[in-house]
Amino acid sequence: MGADSRNRRGWKRHLEGWELGAATLAMALLAALLFVPRAVAPDAFPLPDLDRPALARQRAAYEARARAALAAPLPFDVRRVGEAFRQYGVATIERDTVLVAGQRRELERAVSLALERLGPEPLLSLRAVQTWYFQRALSRWEATGEQDADLRELGGDFLSHAELSGWVTAPHTLELSSAERAALFRMRWTELTGLRDTLPFAPTLDDYREYYRLLLEHPEGPFGQGGDERRDRVRRRLGYVDALAKRDPSYPAELARGVLLFDLGTYPESAEALRAHLLRHPSGPWTLRAQNYLRAALREIGTAAAL
């Protein structure tokens, strides 16, 4: 073997594995770029975390309670509460404010009497069974397009409200899932009966997380009253963030506000909220995004100052 061949083989020995080394270096450089803060407009929004197994167990308990209530008649005083709730629903459709106020007082009186005589358990069963009737009525409406007595009485002006909110995505098709429909109805029932702050009716933290997650994804209308539907939706979400933050200290409310305020174009307020989030959460799953969003807000502030 000649000296030239030996020399060429010797050089090749020094280059063996260079492809693997280059690939490793490229991956390291890419990772470094990915984890270095850069100005990026908000492209994600924090939603409340749900304990889905706990919610599934809770829904199963509601359904079991509803089945039991359907199998045996409820006491008269509890049925009176149910009838008062239905009459209130009819009054909201008729939009008679005096009638609505009167029916609300009648409902609260009936609830107070039932609690005094029977305790909470029968009323919990009433809530469960009326939730079941409401969901069944919604399913019939989706199948036929007809709003029956159960839907009018239990839902009141729900369908018109759903249309104003953009929840009806096609002719008589509701965008909300079965679990979301039930969560909305239970929250409304508990609020109207005046039992929101009374155990065992008071919503749990998981209930509030599920409820506000629903509204953050599907804000309530009407929108566009001032001519800008998008901004109305953002402002409504800001209200939900504030309400949820009062119930759930673990929710990254400052980050959510920063994202929404950026969307509104109020960049100084967005930057302030994002800085507050990073001070409270210097590390965590949202840290790099928050840093990116903050840089984008500061860039917008600088651009505006230069104009």
Foldseek 3Di string as FASTA:
>chain_A
DDPVVVVVVVVVVVCPPVVVVVVVVVVVVVVVVVQDAAADADDDFDADDAPVVVVVVVVVVLQVLLVVCVVDPFDPLLVQLVVLQLQLLLCLQVVPVVSNVVSLVSNLVSLVVCCVVPNCSSNSSVLSNLLVLCLVQLVVCLVPVDRDSSPSRQVRCVVVQQVLQCQAPDRSDGVDDSSLSSLVSLVVVCVSNVNCPPPPSHDDLSSLSSNLSVCLVRPTDNACPVPDRVLRSLVSNLVSLVVNCVSDVVGLSLQNVLNSVVVVVVLVSSLVSLVVSCVVPVDDDCNSVSSNNNNNSVVSVVVVVVD
